[in-house]
């Protein structure tokens, strides 16, 4: 699941990403960003537009977000264990 990219100023590692509704524009991405001159940080990218969900589908949407953040948390813990990231 983890993708790594390096820009001239930082390294970015995708910890998780998910489409939270049935709309193709409702992607949430969680990344570890390691700038060369700052401490590491977690970047969460939300959809640009509000997500619209029918009330009966709200539980599924909430569960998708919880699953995404849980998976990203586990991936970050693995990454920290391997790299001794503080």
PDB file of N, CA and C in Angstrom:
ATOM      1  N   UNK A   1       0.818  -1.187   0.000  1.00  0.00           N
ATOM      2  CA  UNK A   1       0.000   0.000   0.000  1.00  0.00           C
ATOM      3  C   UNK A   1       0.867   1.257   0.000  1.00  0.00           C
ATOM      4  N   UNK A   2       2.042   1.195   0.578  1.00  0.00           N
ATOM      5  CA  UNK A   2       2.856   2.390   0.740  1.00  0.00           C
ATOM      6  C   UNK A   2       3.538   2.758  -0.560  1.00  0.00           C
ATOM      7  N   UNK A   3       3.377   4.021  -0.975  1.00  0.00           N
ATOM      8  CA  UNK A   3       4.067   4.538  -2.145  1.00  0.00           C
ATOM      9  C   UNK A   3       4.985   5.649  -1.676  1.00  0.00           C
ATOM     10  N   UNK A   4       6.184   5.680  -2.221  1.00  0.00           N
ATOM     11  CA  UNK A   4       7.123   6.726  -1.839  1.00  0.00           C
ATOM     12  C   UNK A   4       7.438   7.598  -3.036  1.00  0.00           C
ATOM     13  N   UNK A   5       7.539   8.885  -2.780  1.00  0.00           N
ATOM     14  CA  UNK A   5       7.930   9.852  -3.804  1.00  0.00           C
ATOM     15  C   UNK A   5       8.877  10.844  -3.149  1.00  0.00           C
ATOM     16  N   UNK A   6       9.812  11.337  -3.919  1.00  0.00           N
ATOM     17  CA  UNK A   6      10.739  12.309  -3.368  1.00  0.00           C
ATOM     18  C   UNK A   6      10.701  13.555  -4.226  1.00  0.00           C
ATOM     19  N   UNK A   7      10.450  14.674  -3.563  1.00  0.00           N
ATOM     20  CA  UNK A   7      10.548  15.956  -4.246  1.00  0.00           C
ATOM     21  C   UNK A   7      11.906  16.530  -3.864  1.00  0.00           C
ATOM     22  N   UNK A   8      12.329  17.631  -4.461  1.00  0.00           N
ATOM     23  CA  UNK A   8      13.635  18.195  -4.117  1.00  0.00           C
ATOM     24  C   UNK A   8      13.751  18.555  -2.638  1.00  0.00           C
ATOM     25  N   UNK A   9      12.634  18.786  -1.953  1.00  0.00           N
ATOM     26  CA  UNK A   9      12.693  19.266  -0.584  1.00  0.00           C
ATOM     27  C   UNK A   9      12.179  18.266   0.444  1.00  0.00           C
ATOM     28  N   UNK A  10      11.489  17.196   0.024  1.00  0.00           N
ATOM     29  CA  UNK A  10      10.943  16.270   1.006  1.00  0.00           C
ATOM     30  C   UNK A  10      10.627  14.921   0.377  1.00  0.00           C
ATOM     31  N   UNK A  11      10.468  13.942   1.248  1.00  0.00           N
ATOM     32  CA  UNK A  11      10.066  12.599   0.839  1.00  0.00           C
ATOM     33  C   UNK A  11       8.638  12.393   1.325  1.00  0.00           C
ATOM     34  N   UNK A  12       7.766  11.874   0.465  1.00  0.00           N
ATOM     35  CA  UNK A  12       6.383  11.608   0.824  1.00  0.00           C
ATOM     36  C   UNK A  12       6.094  10.125   0.666  1.00  0.00           C
ATOM     37  N   UNK A  13       5.476   9.541   1.691  1.00  0.00           N
ATOM     38  CA  UNK A  13       5.115   8.138   1.680  1.00  0.00           C
ATOM     39  C   UNK A  13       3.620   8.021   1.933  1.00  0.00           C
ATOM     40  N   UNK A  14       2.891   7.398   1.026  1.00  0.00           N
ATOM     41  CA  UNK A  14       1.454   7.209   1.214  1.00  0.00           C
ATOM     42  C   UNK A  14       1.226   6.124   2.257  1.00  0.00           C
ATOM     43  N   UNK A  15       0.523   6.482   3.318  1.00  0.00           N
ATOM     44  CA  UNK A  15       0.204   5.535   4.383  1.00  0.00           C
ATOM     45  C   UNK A  15      -1.154   4.890   4.162  1.00  0.00           C
ATOM     46  N   UNK A  16      -2.034   5.561   3.428  1.00  0.00           N
ATOM     47  CA  UNK A  16      -3.350   5.027   3.134  1.00  0.00           C
ATOM     48  C   UNK A  16      -4.131   5.976   2.261  1.00  0.00           C
ATOM     49  N   UNK A  17      -5.050   5.430   1.496  1.00  0.00           N
ATOM     50  CA  UNK A  17      -5.949   6.253   0.693  1.00  0.00           C
ATOM     51  C   UNK A  17      -7.235   5.476   0.474  1.00  0.00           C
ATOM     52  N   UNK A  18      -8.342   6.217   0.397  1.00  0.00           N
ATOM     53  CA  UNK A  18      -9.632   5.558   0.242  1.00  0.00           C
ATOM     54  C   UNK A  18     -10.634   6.507  -0.400  1.00  0.00           C
ATOM     55  N   UNK A  19     -11.506   5.932  -1.184  1.00  0.00           N
ATOM     56  CA  UNK A  19     -12.652   6.658  -1.728  1.00  0.00           C
ATOM     57  C   UNK A  19     -13.750   6.480  -0.684  1.00  0.00           C
ATOM     58  N   UNK A  20     -14.138   7.580  -0.002  1.00  0.00           N
ATOM     59  CA  UNK A  20     -15.029   7.448   1.156  1.00  0.00           C
ATOM     60  C   UNK A  20     -16.512   7.386   0.817  1.00  0.00           C
ATOM     61  N   UNK A  21     -16.871   7.779  -0.395  1.00  0.00           N
ATOM     62  CA  UNK A  21     -18.256   7.612  -0.849  1.00  0.00           C
ATOM     63  C   UNK A  21     -18.203   6.999  -2.246  1.00  0.00           C
ATOM     64  N   UNK A  22     -19.342   6.862  -2.875  1.00  0.00           N
ATOM     65  CA  UNK A  22     -19.372   6.291  -4.213  1.00  0.00           C
ATOM     66  C   UNK A  22     -18.950   7.289  -5.279  1.00  0.00           C
ATOM     67  N   UNK A  23     -18.785   8.544  -4.903  1.00  0.00           N
ATOM     68  CA  UNK A  23     -18.329   9.559  -5.849  1.00  0.00           C
ATOM     69  C   UNK A  23     -16.833   9.389  -6.110  1.00  0.00           C
ATOM     70  N   UNK A  24     -16.408   9.416  -7.364  1.00  0.00           N
ATOM     71  CA  UNK A  24     -14.978   9.249  -7.659  1.00  0.00           C
ATOM     72  C   UNK A  24     -14.127  10.427  -7.178  1.00  0.00           C
ATOM     73  N   UNK A  25     -14.762  11.508  -6.758  1.00  0.00           N
ATOM     74  CA  UNK A  25     -14.012  12.679  -6.296  1.00  0.00           C
ATOM     75  C   UNK A  25     -13.890  12.748  -4.781  1.00  0.00           C
ATOM     76  N   UNK A  26     -14.268  11.709  -4.075  1.00  0.00           N
ATOM     77  CA  UNK A  26     -14.234  11.704  -2.617  1.00  0.00           C
ATOM     78  C   UNK A  26     -13.080  10.880  -2.057  1.00  0.00           C
ATOM     79  N   UNK A  27     -11.895  11.130  -2.557  1.00  0.00           N
ATOM     80  CA  UNK A  27     -10.711  10.423  -2.062  1.00  0.00           C
ATOM     81  C   UNK A  27     -10.098  11.166  -0.890  1.00  0.00           C
ATOM     82  N   UNK A  28      -9.705  10.414   0.124  1.00  0.00           N
ATOM     83  CA  UNK A  28      -8.940  10.944   1.247  1.00  0.00           C
ATOM     84  C   UNK A  28      -7.601  10.219   1.218  1.00  0.00           C
ATOM     85  N   UNK A  29      -6.505  10.974   1.330  1.00  0.00           N
ATOM     86  CA  UNK A  29      -5.159  10.405   1.271  1.00  0.00           C
ATOM     87  C   UNK A  29      -4.409  10.805   2.540  1.00  0.00           C
ATOM     88  N   UNK A  30      -3.736   9.833   3.153  1.00  0.00           N
ATOM     89  CA  UNK A  30      -2.916  10.079   4.338  1.00  0.00           C
ATOM     90  C   UNK A  30      -1.475   9.770   3.956  1.00  0.00           C
ATOM     91  N   UNK A  31      -0.584  10.762   4.138  1.00  0.00           N
ATOM     92  CA  UNK A  31       0.820  10.607   3.744  1.00  0.00           C
ATOM     93  C   UNK A  31       1.751  11.014   4.885  1.00  0.00           C
ATOM     94  N   UNK A  32       2.887  10.360   4.932  1.00  0.00           N
ATOM     95  CA  UNK A  32       3.983  10.784   5.798  1.00  0.00           C
ATOM     96  C   UNK A  32       4.870  11.674   4.951  1.00  0.00           C
ATOM     97  N   UNK A  33       5.106  12.898   5.420  1.00  0.00           N
ATOM     98  CA  UNK A  33       5.958  13.847   4.710  1.00  0.00           C
ATOM     99  C   UNK A  33       7.198  14.068   5.559  1.00  0.00           C
ATOM    100  N   UNK A  34       8.359  13.884   4.936  1.00  0.00           N
ATOM    101  CA  UNK A  34       9.636  14.061   5.635  1.00  0.00           C
ATOM    102  C   UNK A  34      10.442  15.161   4.944  1.00  0.00           C
ATOM    103  N   UNK A  35      10.211  16.419   5.332  1.00  0.00           N
ATOM    104  CA  UNK A  35      10.982  17.507   4.747  1.00  0.00           C
ATOM    105  C   UNK A  35      12.446  17.409   5.163  1.00  0.00           C
ATOM    106  N   UNK A  36      13.322  17.926   4.335  1.00  0.00           N
ATOM    107  CA  UNK A  36      14.742  17.893   4.661  1.00  0.00           C
ATOM    108  C   UNK A  36      15.079  18.761   5.867  1.00  0.00           C
ATOM    109  N   UNK A  37      14.317  19.833   6.075  1.00  0.00           N
ATOM    110  CA  UNK A  37      14.686  20.796   7.100  1.00  0.00           C
ATOM    111  C   UNK A  37      13.684  20.917   8.258  1.00  0.00           C
ATOM    112  N   UNK A  38      12.705  20.014   8.333  1.00  0.00           N
ATOM    113  CA  UNK A  38      11.702  20.033   9.401  1.00  0.00           C
ATOM    114  C   UNK A  38      11.462  18.615   9.898  1.00  0.00           C
ATOM    115  N   UNK A  39      10.834  18.476  11.080  1.00  0.00           N
ATOM    116  CA  UNK A  39      10.482  17.131  11.556  1.00  0.00           C
ATOM    117  C   UNK A  39       9.423  16.491  10.645  1.00  0.00           C
ATOM    118  N   UNK A  40       9.339  15.166  10.634  1.00  0.00           N
ATOM    119  CA  UNK A  40       8.317  14.479   9.834  1.00  0.00           C
ATOM    120  C   UNK A  40       6.919  14.896  10.281  1.00  0.00           C
ATOM    121  N   UNK A  41       5.964  14.836   9.351  1.00  0.00           N
ATOM    122  CA  UNK A  41       4.576  15.173   9.665  1.00  0.00           C
ATOM    123  C   UNK A  41       3.645  14.292   8.839  1.00  0.00           C
ATOM    124  N   UNK A  42       2.423  14.157   9.316  1.00  0.00           N
ATOM    125  CA  UNK A  42       1.405  13.415   8.580  1.00  0.00           C
ATOM    126  C   UNK A  42       0.502  14.436   7.888  1.00  0.00           C
ATOM    127  N   UNK A  43       0.315  14.246   6.588  1.00  0.00           N
ATOM    128  CA  UNK A  43      -0.521  15.133   5.774  1.00  0.00           C
ATOM    129  C   UNK A  43      -1.787  14.376   5.384  1.00  0.00           C
ATOM    130  N   UNK A  44      -2.936  14.985   5.656  1.00  0.00           N
ATOM    131  CA  UNK A  44      -4.225  14.394   5.296  1.00  0.00           C
ATOM    132  C   UNK A  44      -4.848  15.279   4.224  1.00  0.00           C
ATOM    133  N   UNK A  45      -5.099  14.699   3.055  1.00  0.00           N
ATOM    134  CA  UNK A  45      -5.707  15.438   1.952  1.00  0.00           C
ATOM    135  C   UNK A  45      -7.168  15.026   1.839  1.00  0.00           C
ATOM    136  N   UNK A  46      -8.054  16.004   2.004  1.00  0.00           N
ATOM    137  CA  UNK A  46      -9.496  15.788   1.946  1.00  0.00           C
ATOM    138  C   UNK A  46     -10.013  16.188   0.569  1.00  0.00           C
ATOM    139  N   UNK A  47     -11.208  15.716   0.195  1.00  0.00           N
ATOM    140  CA  UNK A  47     -11.805  16.159  -1.071  1.00  0.00           C
ATOM    141  C   UNK A  47     -11.998  17.681  -1.069  1.00  0.00           C
ATOM    142  N   UNK A  48     -11.909  18.272  -2.250  1.00  0.00           N
ATOM    143  CA  UNK A  48     -12.079  19.718  -2.353  1.00  0.00           C
ATOM    144  C   UNK A  48     -13.523  20.144  -2.128  1.00  0.00           C
ATOM    145  N   UNK A  49     -14.469  19.315  -2.502  1.00  0.00           N
ATOM    146  CA  UNK A  49     -15.884  19.637  -2.354  1.00  0.00           C
ATOM    147  C   UNK A  49     -16.474  18.832  -1.192  1.00  0.00           C
ATOM    148  N   UNK A  50     -17.549  19.323  -0.594  1.00  0.00           N
ATOM    149  CA  UNK A  50     -18.196  18.552   0.480  1.00  0.00           C
ATOM    150  C   UNK A  50     -18.680  17.197  -0.032  1.00  0.00           C
ATOM    151  N   UNK A  51     -18.630  16.224   0.839  1.00  0.00           N
ATOM    152  CA  UNK A  51     -19.142  14.892   0.513  1.00  0.00           C
ATOM    153  C   UNK A  51     -20.615  14.827   0.900  1.00  0.00           C
ATOM    154  N   UNK A  52     -21.434  14.359  -0.019  1.00  0.00           N
ATOM    155  CA  UNK A  52     -22.875  14.244   0.220  1.00  0.00           C
ATOM    156  C   UNK A  52     -23.203  12.758   0.344  1.00  0.00           C
ATOM    157  N   UNK A  53     -23.864  12.408   1.456  1.00  0.00           N
ATOM    158  CA  UNK A  53     -24.194  11.008   1.712  1.00  0.00           C
ATOM    159  C   UNK A  53     -25.648  10.920   2.175  1.00  0.00           C
ATOM    160  N   UNK A  54     -26.330   9.900   1.706  1.00  0.00           N
ATOM    161  CA  UNK A  54     -27.684   9.650   2.195  1.00  0.00           C
ATOM    162  C   UNK A  54     -27.584   9.201   3.651  1.00  0.00           C
ATOM    163  N   UNK A  55     -28.544   9.566   4.485  1.00  0.00           N
ATOM    164  CA  UNK A  55     -28.470   9.198   5.903  1.00  0.00           C
ATOM    165  C   UNK A  55     -28.261   7.692   6.136  1.00  0.00           C
ATOM    166  N   UNK A  56     -28.901   6.864   5.317  1.00  0.00           N
ATOM    167  CA  UNK A  56     -28.742   5.413   5.520  1.00  0.00           C
ATOM    168  C   UNK A  56     -27.342   4.919   5.142  1.00  0.00           C
ATOM    169  N   UNK A  57     -26.553   5.710   4.394  1.00  0.00           N
ATOM    170  CA  UNK A  57     -25.188   5.319   4.014  1.00  0.00           C
ATOM    171  C   UNK A  57     -24.130   5.979   4.905  1.00  0.00           C
ATOM    172  N   UNK A  58     -24.573   6.821   5.839  1.00  0.00           N
ATOM    173  CA  UNK A  58     -23.607   7.522   6.679  1.00  0.00           C
ATOM    174  C   UNK A  58     -22.746   6.559   7.489  1.00  0.00           C
ATOM    175  N   UNK A  59     -23.327   5.496   7.997  1.00  0.00           N
ATOM    176  CA  UNK A  59     -22.562   4.507   8.768  1.00  0.00           C
ATOM    177  C   UNK A  59     -21.430   3.898   7.946  1.00  0.00           C
ATOM    178  N   UNK A  60     -21.710   3.586   6.679  1.00  0.00           N
ATOM    179  CA  UNK A  60     -20.677   3.034   5.796  1.00  0.00           C
ATOM    180  C   UNK A  60     -19.568   4.051   5.533  1.00  0.00           C
ATOM    181  N   UNK A  61     -19.966   5.323   5.381  1.00  0.00           N
ATOM    182  CA  UNK A  61     -18.975   6.377   5.138  1.00  0.00           C
ATOM    183  C   UNK A  61     -18.087   6.564   6.361  1.00  0.00           C
ATOM    184  N   UNK A  62     -18.694   6.604   7.531  1.00  0.00           N
ATOM    185  CA  UNK A  62     -17.928   6.739   8.772  1.00  0.00           C
ATOM    186  C   UNK A  62     -16.987   5.541   8.945  1.00  0.00           C
ATOM    187  N   UNK A  63     -17.484   4.358   8.637  1.00  0.00           N
ATOM    188  CA  UNK A  63     -16.651   3.156   8.757  1.00  0.00           C
ATOM    189  C   UNK A  63     -15.471   3.199   7.785  1.00  0.00           C
ATOM    190  N   UNK A  64     -15.683   3.721   6.580  1.00  0.00           N
ATOM    191  CA  UNK A  64     -14.593   3.829   5.605  1.00  0.00           C
ATOM    192  C   UNK A  64     -13.506   4.766   6.116  1.00  0.00           C
ATOM    193  N   UNK A  65     -13.896   5.868   6.746  1.00  0.00           N
ATOM    194  CA  UNK A  65     -12.906   6.793   7.309  1.00  0.00           C
ATOM    195  C   UNK A  65     -12.150   6.156   8.475  1.00  0.00           C
ATOM    196  N   UNK A  66     -12.868   5.468   9.346  1.00  0.00           N
ATOM    197  CA  UNK A  66     -12.218   4.797  10.481  1.00  0.00           C
ATOM    198  C   UNK A  66     -11.235   3.743   9.974  1.00  0.00           C
ATOM    199  N   UNK A  67     -11.649   2.970   8.985  1.00  0.00           N
ATOM    200  CA  UNK A  67     -10.780   1.939   8.414  1.00  0.00           C
ATOM    201  C   UNK A  67      -9.526   2.562   7.797  1.00  0.00           C
ATOM    202  N   UNK A  68      -9.694   3.664   7.061  1.00  0.00           N
ATOM    203  CA  UNK A  68      -8.565   4.354   6.450  1.00  0.00           C
ATOM    204  C   UNK A  68      -7.583   4.840   7.512  1.00  0.00           C
ATOM    205  N   UNK A  69      -8.088   5.551   8.529  1.00  0.00           N
ATOM    206  CA  UNK A  69      -7.199   6.086   9.556  1.00  0.00           C
ATOM    207  C   UNK A  69      -6.545   4.974  10.373  1.00  0.00           C
ATOM    208  N   UNK A  70      -7.257   3.894  10.622  1.00  0.00           N
ATOM    209  CA  UNK A  70      -6.668   2.758  11.340  1.00  0.00           C
ATOM    210  C   UNK A  70      -5.538   2.125  10.534  1.00  0.00           C
ATOM    211  N   UNK A  71      -5.782   1.903   9.247  1.00  0.00           N
ATOM    212  CA  UNK A  71      -4.755   1.307   8.392  1.00  0.00           C
ATOM    213  C   UNK A  71      -3.538   2.228   8.272  1.00  0.00           C
ATOM    214  N   UNK A  72      -3.778   3.533   8.151  1.00  0.00           N
ATOM    215  CA  UNK A  72      -2.673   4.490   8.056  1.00  0.00           C
ATOM    216  C   UNK A  72      -1.880   4.520   9.357  1.00  0.00           C
ATOM    217  N   UNK A  73      -2.570   4.421  10.486  1.00  0.00           N
ATOM    218  CA  UNK A  73      -1.897   4.400  11.788  1.00  0.00           C
ATOM    219  C   UNK A  73      -0.996   3.171  11.913  1.00  0.00           C
ATOM    220  N   UNK A  74      -1.496   2.025  11.502  1.00  0.00           N
ATOM    221  CA  UNK A  74      -0.705   0.786  11.541  1.00  0.00           C
ATOM    222  C   UNK A  74       0.498   0.899  10.602  1.00  0.00           C
ATOM    223  N   UNK A  75       0.291   1.434   9.413  1.00  0.00           N
ATOM    224  CA  UNK A  75       1.389   1.587   8.452  1.00  0.00           C
ATOM    225  C   UNK A  75       2.453   2.544   8.995  1.00  0.00           C
ATOM    226  N   UNK A  76       2.031   3.617   9.646  1.00  0.00           N
ATOM    227  CA  UNK A  76       2.987   4.551  10.249  1.00  0.00           C
ATOM    228  C   UNK A  76       3.761   3.865  11.366  1.00  0.00           C
ATOM    229  N   UNK A  77       3.101   3.065  12.175  1.00  0.00           N
ATOM    230  CA  UNK A  77       3.783   2.341  13.251  1.00  0.00           C
ATOM    231  C   UNK A  77       4.823   1.377  12.674  1.00  0.00           C
ATOM    232  N   UNK A  78       4.480   0.680  11.600  1.00  0.00           N
ATOM    233  CA  UNK A  78       5.451  -0.210  10.945  1.00  0.00           C
ATOM    234  C   UNK A  78       6.632   0.574  10.407  1.00  0.00           C
ATOM    235  N   UNK A  79       6.329   1.681   9.773  1.00  0.00           N
ATOM    236  CA  UNK A  79       7.367   2.538   9.208  1.00  0.00           C
ATOM    237  C   UNK A  79       8.292   3.046  10.310  1.00  0.00           C
ATOM    238  N   UNK A  80       7.711   3.498  11.416  1.00  0.00           N
ATOM    239  CA  UNK A  80       8.511   4.007  12.534  1.00  0.00           C
ATOM    240  C   UNK A  80       9.390   2.888  13.127  1.00  0.00           C
ATOM    241  N   UNK A  81       8.835   1.696  13.226  1.00  0.00           N
ATOM    242  CA  UNK A  81       9.601   0.584  13.776  1.00  0.00           C
ATOM    243  C   UNK A  81      10.798   0.240  12.895  1.00  0.00           C
ATOM    244  N   UNK A  82      10.610   0.310  11.590  1.00  0.00           N
ATOM    245  CA  UNK A  82      11.690  -0.001  10.668  1.00  0.00           C
ATOM    246  C   UNK A  82      12.736   1.109  10.590  1.00  0.00           C
ATOM    247  N   UNK A  83      12.292   2.336  10.671  1.00  0.00           N
ATOM    248  CA  UNK A  83      13.188   3.475  10.451  1.00  0.00           C
ATOM    249  C   UNK A  83      13.556   4.194  11.755  1.00  0.00           C
ATOM    250  N   UNK A  84      12.970   3.790  12.859  1.00  0.00           N
ATOM    251  CA  UNK A  84      13.201   4.466  14.148  1.00  0.00           C
ATOM    252  C   UNK A  84      12.883   5.948  14.033  1.00  0.00           C
ATOM    253  N   UNK A  85      11.775   6.246  13.387  1.00  0.00           N
ATOM    254  CA  UNK A  85      11.299   7.612  13.199  1.00  0.00           C
ATOM    255  C   UNK A  85      10.751   8.116  14.524  1.00  0.00           C
ATOM    256  N   UNK A  86      11.104   9.301  14.895  1.00  0.00           N
ATOM    257  CA  UNK A  86      10.595   9.807  16.172  1.00  0.00           C
ATOM    258  C   UNK A  86       9.384  10.677  15.992  1.00  0.00           C
TER     259      UNK A  86
END
